Amino acid sequence: MRLNSTNNKFIFNFPVDFIEPWLYKNLQNVMDKNFIPYETVLEYINSTIKEIVFPSMSFDNVEQHIKRGKVIAHKPSKNIHDTFTNEIDVTFRSVDSNMNYFILVQILTEFYLNNKKHAISDFSIDILDHHGDKIYTILFKEVLLKSIGENRMGYQMFDISEKLFTVTFRYNWLKIYYELNDEDETTTSKSIYDIPIDFKPGKLDKTENGGTY
């Protein structure tokens, strides 16, 4: 009998350059003033991550009407990466009088206004087995900010129950690698999307030199 999947056996942290160096320094002053017990603001933000949602995948079949009204479905020609919703939802616990929420607002605002930064560095999710060994890695590439959820405050809200908010990112490319060698962490498979395709180049695929793109 196989073990049921455990939903908390994963590692996800924002990349080191998620925050610009000058902003690291400014936000560190805020943390020191409020006695936040973390060495860096990135560690603080990572500690408040509650969950991450892997996007759903769907295939919109193309339909064709033939005689007598019969509808025939065909496989679509959409790129395999676009069969996903191409969105990542990261949910956080709001802590320390919503401080992590507004720190994230500042970090994401800086990214939006920074014309030299066209995308956020790759997001990586490491999936672990029940022994804590890595089984496979999910990589989201060319990540962009899409939205940050609202933060509701109210004079009538006296309870101290857990309060959540969500940041939604969009990505352009997805890679999934199986970790094949426990002794060598650099040994991985090809992405599961690197599948050999029976491709016969047509006229539009040929270059001026007679080769193919």
N, C-alpha and C. Protein backbone atom coordinates (compact mmCIF):
# COMPACT_ATOMS: atom_id res chain seq x y z
N MET A 1 0.83 -1.18 0.00
CA MET A 1 0.00 0.00 0.00
C MET A 1 0.88 1.24 0.00
N ARG A 2 0.56 2.22 -0.84
CA ARG A 2 1.37 3.42 -0.97
C ARG A 2 0.93 4.47 0.03
N LEU A 3 1.89 5.32 0.43
CA LEU A 3 1.59 6.39 1.38
C LEU A 3 0.83 7.52 0.67
N ASN A 4 -0.14 8.07 1.36
CA ASN A 4 -0.83 9.24 0.83
C ASN A 4 0.14 10.42 0.74
N SER A 5 -0.11 11.30 -0.21
CA SER A 5 0.75 12.49 -0.35
C SER A 5 0.60 13.39 0.87
N THR A 6 1.73 13.86 1.37
CA THR A 6 1.72 14.85 2.45
C THR A 6 1.92 16.23 1.84
N ASN A 7 1.06 17.15 2.17
CA ASN A 7 1.06 18.44 1.51
C ASN A 7 2.08 19.44 2.06
N ASN A 8 2.74 19.08 3.16
CA ASN A 8 3.69 20.03 3.75
C ASN A 8 5.15 19.63 3.55
N LYS A 9 5.40 18.64 2.71
CA LYS A 9 6.78 18.21 2.46
C LYS A 9 7.36 18.95 1.26
N PHE A 10 7.60 20.22 1.41
CA PHE A 10 8.17 21.01 0.33
C PHE A 10 8.96 22.16 0.92
N ILE A 11 9.83 22.73 0.09
CA ILE A 11 10.60 23.91 0.49
C ILE A 11 10.40 24.97 -0.57
N PHE A 12 9.92 26.12 -0.15
CA PHE A 12 9.79 27.26 -1.06
C PHE A 12 10.23 28.52 -0.34
N ASN A 13 11.20 29.19 -0.92
CA ASN A 13 11.65 30.49 -0.42
C ASN A 13 11.84 31.43 -1.61
N PHE A 14 11.66 32.71 -1.38
CA PHE A 14 11.93 33.68 -2.43
C PHE A 14 13.43 33.72 -2.71
N PRO A 15 13.82 33.98 -3.97
CA PRO A 15 15.25 34.05 -4.31
C PRO A 15 15.94 35.19 -3.58
N VAL A 16 17.27 35.07 -3.43
CA VAL A 16 18.04 36.05 -2.66
C VAL A 16 17.90 37.45 -3.23
N ASP A 17 17.87 37.57 -4.56
CA ASP A 17 17.79 38.90 -5.18
C ASP A 17 16.34 39.36 -5.36
N PHE A 18 15.42 38.75 -4.63
CA PHE A 18 14.03 39.20 -4.63
C PHE A 18 13.93 40.64 -4.11
N ILE A 19 14.89 41.02 -3.26
CA ILE A 19 14.93 42.36 -2.69
C ILE A 19 16.21 43.05 -3.13
N GLU A 20 16.12 44.28 -3.58
CA GLU A 20 17.29 45.03 -4.00
C GLU A 20 18.18 45.35 -2.79
N PRO A 21 19.52 45.42 -2.97
CA PRO A 21 20.43 45.65 -1.83
C PRO A 21 20.10 46.90 -1.02
N TRP A 22 19.78 48.01 -1.70
CA TRP A 22 19.48 49.23 -0.95
C TRP A 22 18.21 49.08 -0.11
N LEU A 23 17.27 48.25 -0.61
CA LEU A 23 16.03 48.05 0.12
C LEU A 23 16.24 47.10 1.30
N TYR A 24 17.17 46.15 1.14
CA TYR A 24 17.56 45.30 2.28
C TYR A 24 17.94 46.18 3.47
N LYS A 25 18.80 47.15 3.20
CA LYS A 25 19.31 48.01 4.26
C LYS A 25 18.21 48.84 4.89
N ASN A 26 17.36 49.43 4.08
CA ASN A 26 16.27 50.25 4.61
C ASN A 26 15.30 49.44 5.46
N LEU A 27 14.96 48.26 4.98
CA LEU A 27 14.00 47.43 5.70
C LEU A 27 14.61 46.81 6.95
N GLN A 28 15.94 46.64 6.94
CA GLN A 28 16.60 46.12 8.14
C GLN A 28 16.45 47.11 9.29
N ASN A 29 16.47 48.40 9.00
CA ASN A 29 16.27 49.42 10.03
C ASN A 29 14.87 49.29 10.64
N VAL A 30 13.89 49.00 9.80
CA VAL A 30 12.53 48.80 10.29
C VAL A 30 12.46 47.58 11.21
N MET A 31 13.13 46.50 10.81
CA MET A 31 13.12 45.29 11.62
C MET A 31 13.82 45.50 12.96
N ASP A 32 14.95 46.18 12.94
CA ASP A 32 15.69 46.44 14.18
C ASP A 32 14.87 47.29 15.14
N LYS A 33 14.19 48.28 14.61
CA LYS A 33 13.40 49.18 15.44
C LYS A 33 12.26 48.44 16.12
N ASN A 34 11.71 47.41 15.41
CA ASN A 34 10.56 46.67 15.95
C ASN A 34 10.95 45.32 16.53
N PHE A 35 12.26 45.10 16.72
CA PHE A 35 12.78 43.90 17.39
C PHE A 35 12.29 42.61 16.72
N ILE A 36 12.36 42.58 15.39
CA ILE A 36 12.00 41.38 14.65
C ILE A 36 13.17 40.40 14.71
N PRO A 37 12.99 39.18 15.25
CA PRO A 37 14.12 38.27 15.51
C PRO A 37 14.58 37.47 14.29
N TYR A 38 14.89 38.14 13.20
CA TYR A 38 15.42 37.47 12.02
C TYR A 38 16.62 38.25 11.51
N GLU A 39 17.58 37.52 10.95
CA GLU A 39 18.81 38.18 10.49
C GLU A 39 18.57 39.08 9.30
N THR A 40 17.70 38.67 8.39
CA THR A 40 17.43 39.48 7.20
C THR A 40 15.93 39.59 6.99
N VAL A 41 15.56 40.61 6.24
CA VAL A 41 14.14 40.81 5.94
C VAL A 41 13.61 39.69 5.05
N LEU A 42 14.47 39.10 4.20
CA LEU A 42 14.03 38.00 3.35
C LEU A 42 13.67 36.78 4.19
N GLU A 43 14.47 36.48 5.20
CA GLU A 43 14.14 35.37 6.09
C GLU A 43 12.82 35.62 6.80
N TYR A 44 12.60 36.85 7.17
CA TYR A 44 11.35 37.22 7.85
C TYR A 44 10.15 37.00 6.94
N ILE A 45 10.24 37.47 5.70
CA ILE A 45 9.14 37.28 4.75
C ILE A 45 8.92 35.80 4.46
N ASN A 46 10.00 35.05 4.26
CA ASN A 46 9.87 33.61 3.99
C ASN A 46 9.20 32.86 5.14
N SER A 47 9.45 33.32 6.36
CA SER A 47 8.89 32.63 7.53
C SER A 47 7.38 32.79 7.63
N THR A 48 6.81 33.76 6.92
CA THR A 48 5.37 33.99 7.00
C THR A 48 4.61 33.34 5.86
N ILE A 49 5.31 32.64 4.97
CA ILE A 49 4.64 31.92 3.88
C ILE A 49 3.86 30.74 4.46
N LYS A 50 2.61 30.65 4.09
CA LYS A 50 1.76 29.57 4.60
C LYS A 50 1.55 28.47 3.56
N GLU A 51 1.28 28.85 2.32
CA GLU A 51 1.07 27.84 1.29
C GLU A 51 1.32 28.44 -0.09
N ILE A 52 1.55 27.55 -1.04
CA ILE A 52 1.71 27.95 -2.44
C ILE A 52 0.86 27.01 -3.28
N VAL A 53 0.19 27.56 -4.28
CA VAL A 53 -0.73 26.78 -5.11
C VAL A 53 -0.10 26.54 -6.48
N PHE A 54 0.09 25.26 -6.81
CA PHE A 54 0.56 24.90 -8.15
C PHE A 54 -0.61 25.08 -9.12
N PRO A 55 -0.38 25.72 -10.28
CA PRO A 55 -1.49 26.04 -11.18
C PRO A 55 -2.14 24.82 -11.79
N SER A 56 -3.40 24.96 -12.12
CA SER A 56 -4.14 23.87 -12.76
C SER A 56 -3.80 23.80 -14.24
N MET A 57 -4.10 22.66 -14.83
CA MET A 57 -3.80 22.40 -16.24
C MET A 57 -5.08 21.96 -16.94
N SER A 58 -5.36 22.52 -18.10
CA SER A 58 -6.56 22.11 -18.83
C SER A 58 -6.31 22.20 -20.33
N PHE A 59 -7.00 21.35 -21.08
CA PHE A 59 -6.87 21.30 -22.53
C PHE A 59 -8.22 21.66 -23.15
N ASP A 60 -8.26 22.77 -23.86
CA ASP A 60 -9.49 23.20 -24.53
C ASP A 60 -9.52 22.58 -25.93
N ASN A 61 -10.26 21.52 -26.05
CA ASN A 61 -10.31 20.82 -27.33
C ASN A 61 -11.02 21.65 -28.40
N VAL A 62 -10.51 21.57 -29.61
CA VAL A 62 -11.12 22.25 -30.74
C VAL A 62 -12.26 21.37 -31.27
N GLU A 63 -13.41 21.98 -31.55
CA GLU A 63 -14.56 21.22 -32.02
C GLU A 63 -14.86 21.51 -33.48
N GLN A 64 -15.29 20.49 -34.18
CA GLN A 64 -15.65 20.61 -35.59
C GLN A 64 -17.02 19.95 -35.81
N HIS A 65 -17.89 20.65 -36.51
CA HIS A 65 -19.22 20.11 -36.81
C HIS A 65 -19.17 19.41 -38.17
N ILE A 66 -19.61 18.17 -38.17
CA ILE A 66 -19.66 17.43 -39.43
C ILE A 66 -21.14 17.17 -39.79
N LYS A 67 -21.37 16.36 -40.77
CA LYS A 67 -22.73 16.15 -41.24
C LYS A 67 -23.64 15.57 -40.16
N ARG A 68 -24.89 15.93 -40.28
CA ARG A 68 -25.95 15.52 -39.36
C ARG A 68 -25.74 16.06 -37.95
N GLY A 69 -24.99 17.15 -37.86
CA GLY A 69 -24.85 17.84 -36.58
C GLY A 69 -23.88 17.23 -35.59
N LYS A 70 -23.17 16.20 -35.97
CA LYS A 70 -22.22 15.55 -35.07
C LYS A 70 -21.04 16.47 -34.79
N VAL A 71 -20.65 16.56 -33.53
CA VAL A 71 -19.52 17.40 -33.12
C VAL A 71 -18.31 16.50 -32.85
N ILE A 72 -17.21 16.79 -33.51
CA ILE A 72 -15.98 16.03 -33.34
C ILE A 72 -14.95 16.91 -32.62
N ALA A 73 -14.33 16.37 -31.59
CA ALA A 73 -13.30 17.11 -30.84
C ALA A 73 -11.92 16.72 -31.35
N HIS A 74 -11.02 17.71 -31.40
CA HIS A 74 -9.65 17.48 -31.83
C HIS A 74 -8.68 18.04 -30.79
N LYS A 75 -7.52 17.47 -30.78
CA LYS A 75 -6.47 17.94 -29.87
C LYS A 75 -6.07 19.36 -30.25
N PRO A 76 -5.94 20.28 -29.27
CA PRO A 76 -5.59 21.66 -29.60
C PRO A 76 -4.13 21.80 -29.98
N SER A 77 -3.78 22.93 -30.59
CA SER A 77 -2.39 23.18 -31.00
C SER A 77 -1.69 24.15 -30.06
N LYS A 78 -2.29 24.45 -28.92
CA LYS A 78 -1.71 25.38 -27.96
C LYS A 78 -0.39 24.85 -27.40
N ASN A 79 0.56 25.76 -27.14
CA ASN A 79 1.82 25.36 -26.52
C ASN A 79 1.55 24.71 -25.16
N ILE A 80 2.28 23.65 -24.85
CA ILE A 80 2.03 22.88 -23.64
C ILE A 80 2.13 23.74 -22.39
N HIS A 81 3.01 24.75 -22.38
CA HIS A 81 3.17 25.60 -21.21
C HIS A 81 1.94 26.48 -20.99
N ASP A 82 1.19 26.75 -22.05
CA ASP A 82 0.01 27.60 -21.93
C ASP A 82 -1.25 26.81 -21.61
N THR A 83 -1.12 25.51 -21.39
CA THR A 83 -2.27 24.74 -20.93
C THR A 83 -2.47 24.91 -19.43
N PHE A 84 -1.48 25.49 -18.75
CA PHE A 84 -1.62 25.86 -17.35
C PHE A 84 -2.22 27.26 -17.25
N THR A 85 -2.71 27.60 -16.07
CA THR A 85 -3.21 28.96 -15.86
C THR A 85 -2.07 29.97 -15.80
N ASN A 86 -0.82 29.46 -15.66
CA ASN A 86 0.39 30.32 -15.64
C ASN A 86 0.38 31.32 -14.49
N GLU A 87 -0.26 30.96 -13.40
CA GLU A 87 -0.29 31.81 -12.21
C GLU A 87 0.10 31.02 -10.98
N ILE A 88 0.81 31.68 -10.07
CA ILE A 88 1.20 31.07 -8.80
C ILE A 88 0.61 31.92 -7.68
N ASP A 89 -0.15 31.30 -6.80
CA ASP A 89 -0.70 31.99 -5.63
C ASP A 89 0.13 31.62 -4.41
N VAL A 90 0.68 32.64 -3.75
CA VAL A 90 1.44 32.44 -2.52
C VAL A 90 0.67 33.09 -1.38
N THR A 91 0.28 32.30 -0.39
CA THR A 91 -0.51 32.81 0.74
C THR A 91 0.39 33.02 1.95
N PHE A 92 0.19 34.14 2.62
CA PHE A 92 0.99 34.52 3.79
C PHE A 92 0.09 34.69 5.01
N ARG A 93 0.69 34.48 6.18
CA ARG A 93 0.05 34.89 7.43
C ARG A 93 0.39 36.36 7.66
N SER A 94 -0.59 37.16 7.99
CA SER A 94 -0.32 38.55 8.33
C SER A 94 0.13 38.61 9.79
N VAL A 95 1.32 39.16 10.03
CA VAL A 95 1.90 39.16 11.38
C VAL A 95 2.40 40.57 11.73
N ASP A 96 2.63 40.76 13.03
CA ASP A 96 3.26 41.99 13.53
C ASP A 96 2.55 43.25 13.02
N SER A 97 1.24 43.32 13.30
CA SER A 97 0.45 44.50 12.89
C SER A 97 0.53 44.73 11.38
N ASN A 98 0.45 43.65 10.63
CA ASN A 98 0.47 43.69 9.16
C ASN A 98 1.80 44.17 8.58
N MET A 99 2.86 44.08 9.37
CA MET A 99 4.15 44.61 8.90
C MET A 99 4.65 43.84 7.68
N ASN A 100 4.53 42.52 7.69
CA ASN A 100 5.03 41.76 6.53
C ASN A 100 4.23 42.08 5.27
N TYR A 101 2.96 42.41 5.44
CA TYR A 101 2.14 42.78 4.27
C TYR A 101 2.69 44.03 3.61
N PHE A 102 2.95 45.07 4.41
CA PHE A 102 3.39 46.33 3.83
C PHE A 102 4.87 46.30 3.39
N ILE A 103 5.66 45.42 4.01
CA ILE A 103 7.01 45.20 3.50
C ILE A 103 6.94 44.59 2.10
N LEU A 104 6.04 43.61 1.92
CA LEU A 104 5.87 43.01 0.60
C LEU A 104 5.35 44.04 -0.41
N VAL A 105 4.44 44.90 0.02
CA VAL A 105 3.95 45.96 -0.87
C VAL A 105 5.12 46.81 -1.35
N GLN A 106 6.04 47.16 -0.45
CA GLN A 106 7.19 47.98 -0.84
C GLN A 106 8.13 47.22 -1.78
N ILE A 107 8.39 45.96 -1.49
CA ILE A 107 9.27 45.15 -2.34
C ILE A 107 8.68 45.01 -3.75
N LEU A 108 7.39 44.74 -3.83
CA LEU A 108 6.76 44.53 -5.12
C LEU A 108 6.57 45.85 -5.87
N THR A 109 6.39 46.94 -5.14
CA THR A 109 6.33 48.25 -5.79
C THR A 109 7.66 48.61 -6.42
N GLU A 110 8.75 48.30 -5.70
CA GLU A 110 10.09 48.56 -6.24
C GLU A 110 10.31 47.77 -7.52
N PHE A 111 9.87 46.50 -7.53
CA PHE A 111 10.02 45.70 -8.75
C PHE A 111 9.24 46.31 -9.90
N TYR A 112 8.03 46.75 -9.63
CA TYR A 112 7.18 47.31 -10.68
C TYR A 112 7.79 48.59 -11.27
N LEU A 113 8.41 49.39 -10.44
CA LEU A 113 8.96 50.67 -10.89
C LEU A 113 10.39 50.57 -11.42
N ASN A 114 11.03 49.43 -11.21
CA ASN A 114 12.42 49.24 -11.62
C ASN A 114 12.47 48.83 -13.10
N ASN A 115 12.82 49.76 -13.97
CA ASN A 115 12.84 49.48 -15.41
C ASN A 115 13.96 48.54 -15.83
N LYS A 116 14.95 48.34 -14.97
CA LYS A 116 16.06 47.45 -15.30
C LYS A 116 15.75 46.00 -14.95
N LYS A 117 14.71 45.77 -14.20
CA LYS A 117 14.36 44.41 -13.78
C LYS A 117 13.11 43.98 -14.53
N HIS A 118 13.29 43.15 -15.55
CA HIS A 118 12.18 42.76 -16.41
C HIS A 118 11.41 41.56 -15.87
N ALA A 119 12.02 40.82 -14.97
CA ALA A 119 11.34 39.66 -14.38
C ALA A 119 11.99 39.35 -13.03
N ILE A 120 11.24 38.67 -12.18
CA ILE A 120 11.78 38.21 -10.91
C ILE A 120 12.55 36.92 -11.17
N SER A 121 13.61 36.70 -10.40
CA SER A 121 14.40 35.47 -10.56
C SER A 121 13.52 34.24 -10.36
N ASP A 122 13.99 33.11 -10.90
CA ASP A 122 13.20 31.88 -10.90
C ASP A 122 12.71 31.51 -9.50
N PHE A 123 11.47 31.06 -9.44
CA PHE A 123 10.92 30.50 -8.21
C PHE A 123 11.15 28.99 -8.25
N SER A 124 11.57 28.43 -7.14
CA SER A 124 11.88 27.02 -7.06
C SER A 124 11.12 26.38 -5.90
N ILE A 125 10.47 25.25 -6.18
CA ILE A 125 9.82 24.46 -5.14
C ILE A 125 10.48 23.09 -5.11
N ASP A 126 11.07 22.73 -3.98
CA ASP A 126 11.68 21.41 -3.80
C ASP A 126 10.68 20.50 -3.08
N ILE A 127 10.32 19.39 -3.70
CA ILE A 127 9.37 18.44 -3.11
C ILE A 127 10.15 17.33 -2.44
N LEU A 128 9.80 17.02 -1.19
CA LEU A 128 10.53 16.05 -0.38
C LEU A 128 9.69 14.81 -0.11
N ASP A 129 10.39 13.69 0.16
CA ASP A 129 9.67 12.50 0.59
C ASP A 129 9.56 12.50 2.11
N HIS A 130 9.03 11.42 2.69
CA HIS A 130 8.80 11.40 4.14
C HIS A 130 10.10 11.31 4.93
N HIS A 131 11.23 11.06 4.24
CA HIS A 131 12.54 11.09 4.90
C HIS A 131 13.19 12.46 4.82
N GLY A 132 12.59 13.38 4.08
CA GLY A 132 13.18 14.70 3.89
C GLY A 132 14.13 14.79 2.72
N ASP A 133 14.19 13.73 1.89
CA ASP A 133 15.04 13.74 0.70
C ASP A 133 14.28 14.35 -0.48
N LYS A 134 15.01 15.09 -1.31
CA LYS A 134 14.40 15.75 -2.44
C LYS A 134 14.04 14.73 -3.52
N ILE A 135 12.79 14.80 -4.03
CA ILE A 135 12.33 13.89 -5.08
C ILE A 135 12.34 14.60 -6.44
N TYR A 136 11.78 15.78 -6.47
CA TYR A 136 11.77 16.55 -7.72
C TYR A 136 11.71 18.04 -7.42
N THR A 137 12.05 18.82 -8.42
CA THR A 137 12.11 20.27 -8.30
C THR A 137 11.23 20.90 -9.36
N ILE A 138 10.44 21.89 -8.94
CA ILE A 138 9.59 22.65 -9.86
C ILE A 138 10.18 24.04 -10.01
N LEU A 139 10.42 24.46 -11.24
CA LEU A 139 10.98 25.78 -11.52
C LEU A 139 9.99 26.62 -12.31
N PHE A 140 9.70 27.81 -11.81
CA PHE A 140 8.90 28.79 -12.54
C PHE A 140 9.85 29.87 -13.04
N LYS A 141 9.87 30.11 -14.35
CA LYS A 141 10.83 31.02 -14.95
C LYS A 141 10.13 32.25 -15.54
N GLU A 142 10.88 33.37 -15.54
CA GLU A 142 10.35 34.65 -16.01
C GLU A 142 9.08 35.01 -15.24
N VAL A 143 9.25 35.17 -13.94
CA VAL A 143 8.13 35.43 -13.04
C VAL A 143 7.83 36.93 -12.99
N LEU A 144 6.55 37.26 -13.00
CA LEU A 144 6.09 38.64 -12.94
C LEU A 144 5.05 38.78 -11.83
N LEU A 145 4.95 39.98 -11.30
CA LEU A 145 3.92 40.26 -10.30
C LEU A 145 2.59 40.48 -10.99
N LYS A 146 1.52 39.90 -10.44
CA LYS A 146 0.18 40.13 -10.99
C LYS A 146 -0.72 40.89 -10.01
N SER A 147 -0.78 40.45 -8.75
CA SER A 147 -1.65 41.14 -7.80
C SER A 147 -1.26 40.80 -6.37
N ILE A 148 -1.69 41.65 -5.46
CA ILE A 148 -1.57 41.37 -4.03
C ILE A 148 -2.93 41.63 -3.42
N GLY A 149 -3.37 40.67 -2.61
CA GLY A 149 -4.72 40.74 -2.07
C GLY A 149 -4.91 41.88 -1.08
N GLU A 150 -6.18 42.15 -0.79
CA GLU A 150 -6.51 43.22 0.14
C GLU A 150 -6.13 42.85 1.57
N ASN A 151 -6.04 43.86 2.41
CA ASN A 151 -5.77 43.66 3.84
C ASN A 151 -6.84 44.41 4.62
N ARG A 152 -7.77 43.67 5.15
CA ARG A 152 -8.93 44.28 5.81
C ARG A 152 -8.63 44.57 7.27
N MET A 153 -8.86 45.80 7.69
CA MET A 153 -8.72 46.21 9.09
C MET A 153 -10.04 46.81 9.54
N GLY A 154 -10.42 46.61 10.81
CA GLY A 154 -11.69 47.14 11.29
C GLY A 154 -11.70 47.32 12.79
N TYR A 155 -12.30 48.41 13.24
CA TYR A 155 -12.39 48.68 14.68
C TYR A 155 -13.20 47.61 15.41
N GLN A 156 -14.08 46.94 14.68
CA GLN A 156 -14.95 45.93 15.29
C GLN A 156 -14.29 44.55 15.34
N MET A 157 -13.07 44.43 14.80
CA MET A 157 -12.41 43.12 14.70
C MET A 157 -11.50 42.92 15.91
N PHE A 158 -12.05 42.24 16.95
CA PHE A 158 -11.31 42.05 18.20
C PHE A 158 -10.62 40.69 18.29
N ASP A 159 -11.00 39.76 17.42
CA ASP A 159 -10.43 38.41 17.51
C ASP A 159 -8.98 38.42 17.03
N ILE A 160 -8.22 37.45 17.50
CA ILE A 160 -6.80 37.36 17.13
C ILE A 160 -6.55 36.06 16.34
N SER A 161 -7.56 35.64 15.60
CA SER A 161 -7.40 34.44 14.77
C SER A 161 -6.48 34.74 13.59
N GLU A 162 -6.03 33.67 12.95
CA GLU A 162 -5.09 33.80 11.84
C GLU A 162 -5.70 34.61 10.70
N LYS A 163 -4.91 35.55 10.19
CA LYS A 163 -5.34 36.41 9.10
C LYS A 163 -4.41 36.18 7.92
N LEU A 164 -4.98 35.97 6.73
CA LEU A 164 -4.20 35.59 5.56
C LEU A 164 -4.35 36.63 4.45
N PHE A 165 -3.35 36.67 3.59
CA PHE A 165 -3.45 37.43 2.35
C PHE A 165 -2.66 36.69 1.28
N THR A 166 -2.97 36.97 0.03
CA THR A 166 -2.39 36.23 -1.09
C THR A 166 -1.73 37.16 -2.09
N VAL A 167 -0.55 36.77 -2.57
CA VAL A 167 0.14 37.46 -3.65
C VAL A 167 0.13 36.53 -4.86
N THR A 168 -0.30 37.04 -6.00
CA THR A 168 -0.38 36.23 -7.22
C THR A 168 0.71 36.67 -8.19
N PHE A 169 1.48 35.70 -8.65
CA PHE A 169 2.53 35.94 -9.64
C PHE A 169 2.14 35.23 -10.94
N ARG A 170 2.67 35.74 -12.05
CA ARG A 170 2.51 35.08 -13.34
C ARG A 170 3.90 34.65 -13.82
N TYR A 171 3.95 33.54 -14.53
CA TYR A 171 5.23 33.07 -15.05
C TYR A 171 5.04 32.72 -16.53
N ASN A 172 6.16 32.64 -17.25
CA ASN A 172 6.10 32.31 -18.67
C ASN A 172 6.48 30.86 -18.98
N TRP A 173 7.37 30.29 -18.16
CA TRP A 173 7.88 28.94 -18.43
C TRP A 173 7.88 28.11 -17.16
N LEU A 174 7.63 26.82 -17.34
CA LEU A 174 7.59 25.89 -16.22
C LEU A 174 8.49 24.70 -16.53
N LYS A 175 9.33 24.33 -15.56
CA LYS A 175 10.18 23.15 -15.69
C LYS A 175 10.02 22.28 -14.45
N ILE A 176 10.00 20.97 -14.66
CA ILE A 176 9.93 20.02 -13.54
C ILE A 176 11.02 18.98 -13.75
N TYR A 177 11.89 18.83 -12.76
CA TYR A 177 13.04 17.92 -12.86
C TYR A 177 12.97 16.87 -11.75
N TYR A 178 13.15 15.62 -12.12
CA TYR A 178 13.29 14.56 -11.13
C TYR A 178 14.74 14.52 -10.64
N GLU A 179 14.90 14.43 -9.33
CA GLU A 179 16.24 14.32 -8.75
C GLU A 179 16.63 12.85 -8.73
N LEU A 180 17.62 12.48 -9.55
CA LEU A 180 17.90 11.06 -9.80
C LEU A 180 19.03 10.47 -8.98
N ASN A 181 19.91 11.30 -8.44
CA ASN A 181 21.10 10.78 -7.76
C ASN A 181 21.20 11.43 -6.39
N ASP A 182 21.00 10.63 -5.33
CA ASP A 182 21.05 11.16 -3.97
C ASP A 182 22.44 11.64 -3.59
N GLU A 183 23.49 11.06 -4.20
CA GLU A 183 24.86 11.41 -3.83
C GLU A 183 25.34 12.66 -4.56
N ASP A 184 24.71 13.00 -5.66
CA ASP A 184 25.11 14.17 -6.44
C ASP A 184 23.89 15.03 -6.68
N GLU A 185 23.78 16.16 -5.94
CA GLU A 185 22.60 17.01 -6.02
C GLU A 185 22.48 17.71 -7.38
N THR A 186 23.59 17.72 -8.14
CA THR A 186 23.55 18.39 -9.44
C THR A 186 22.99 17.48 -10.53
N THR A 187 22.80 16.20 -10.20
CA THR A 187 22.30 15.25 -11.19
C THR A 187 20.78 15.29 -11.20
N THR A 188 20.22 15.72 -12.30
CA THR A 188 18.77 15.77 -12.45
C THR A 188 18.40 15.24 -13.83
N SER A 189 17.15 14.96 -13.99
CA SER A 189 16.66 14.55 -15.29
C SER A 189 16.45 15.78 -16.16
N LYS A 190 16.10 15.56 -17.42
CA LYS A 190 15.60 16.66 -18.22
C LYS A 190 14.22 17.03 -17.70
N SER A 191 13.77 18.23 -18.05
CA SER A 191 12.41 18.61 -17.68
C SER A 191 11.42 17.64 -18.29
N ILE A 192 10.33 17.38 -17.59
CA ILE A 192 9.33 16.44 -18.11
C ILE A 192 8.70 16.97 -19.39
N TYR A 193 8.93 18.24 -19.72
CA TYR A 193 8.38 18.81 -20.95
C TYR A 193 9.38 18.73 -22.10
N ASP A 194 10.59 18.28 -21.83
CA ASP A 194 11.57 18.10 -22.90
C ASP A 194 11.35 16.74 -23.56
N ILE A 195 10.27 16.63 -24.28
CA ILE A 195 9.87 15.37 -24.90
C ILE A 195 10.23 15.39 -26.37
N PRO A 196 10.90 14.34 -26.87
CA PRO A 196 11.20 14.29 -28.32
C PRO A 196 9.91 14.36 -29.13
N ILE A 197 9.91 15.20 -30.13
CA ILE A 197 8.73 15.38 -30.97
C ILE A 197 9.06 14.98 -32.40
N ASP A 198 8.19 14.21 -33.01
CA ASP A 198 8.36 13.82 -34.42
C ASP A 198 8.03 15.04 -35.27
N PHE A 199 9.07 15.79 -35.62
CA PHE A 199 8.89 17.08 -36.28
C PHE A 199 9.47 17.04 -37.68
N LYS A 200 8.66 17.36 -38.66
CA LYS A 200 9.10 17.46 -40.03
C LYS A 200 9.04 18.92 -40.45
N PRO A 201 10.21 19.56 -40.66
CA PRO A 201 10.21 20.99 -40.98
C PRO A 201 9.53 21.27 -42.30
N GLY A 202 8.78 22.38 -42.31
CA GLY A 202 8.12 22.84 -43.52
C GLY A 202 8.87 24.01 -44.12
N LYS A 203 8.27 24.65 -45.11
CA LYS A 203 8.93 25.76 -45.81
C LYS A 203 9.24 26.92 -44.88
N LEU A 204 8.31 27.21 -43.96
CA LEU A 204 8.50 28.36 -43.07
C LEU A 204 9.57 28.11 -42.01
N ASP A 205 9.96 26.85 -41.80
CA ASP A 205 10.96 26.52 -40.79
C ASP A 205 12.39 26.56 -41.33
N LYS A 206 12.56 26.68 -42.63
CA LYS A 206 13.89 26.63 -43.22
C LYS A 206 14.55 28.00 -43.23
N THR A 207 15.86 28.01 -42.94
CA THR A 207 16.62 29.25 -42.93
C THR A 207 17.15 29.54 -44.34
N GLU A 208 17.77 30.70 -44.48
CA GLU A 208 18.34 31.08 -45.78
C GLU A 208 19.43 30.15 -46.22
N ASN A 209 20.13 29.53 -45.25
CA ASN A 209 21.25 28.64 -45.56
C ASN A 209 20.80 27.20 -45.82
N GLY A 210 19.50 26.99 -45.77
CA GLY A 210 19.01 25.64 -46.04
C GLY A 210 18.79 24.81 -44.80
N GLY A 211 19.22 25.33 -43.64
CA GLY A 211 19.01 24.61 -42.38
C GLY A 211 17.61 24.88 -41.86
N THR A 212 17.38 24.51 -40.59
CA THR A 212 16.09 24.73 -39.95
C THR A 212 16.27 25.51 -38.66
N TYR A 213 15.22 26.20 -38.24
CA TYR A 213 15.26 26.95 -36.99
C TYR A 213 15.18 26.01 -35.81
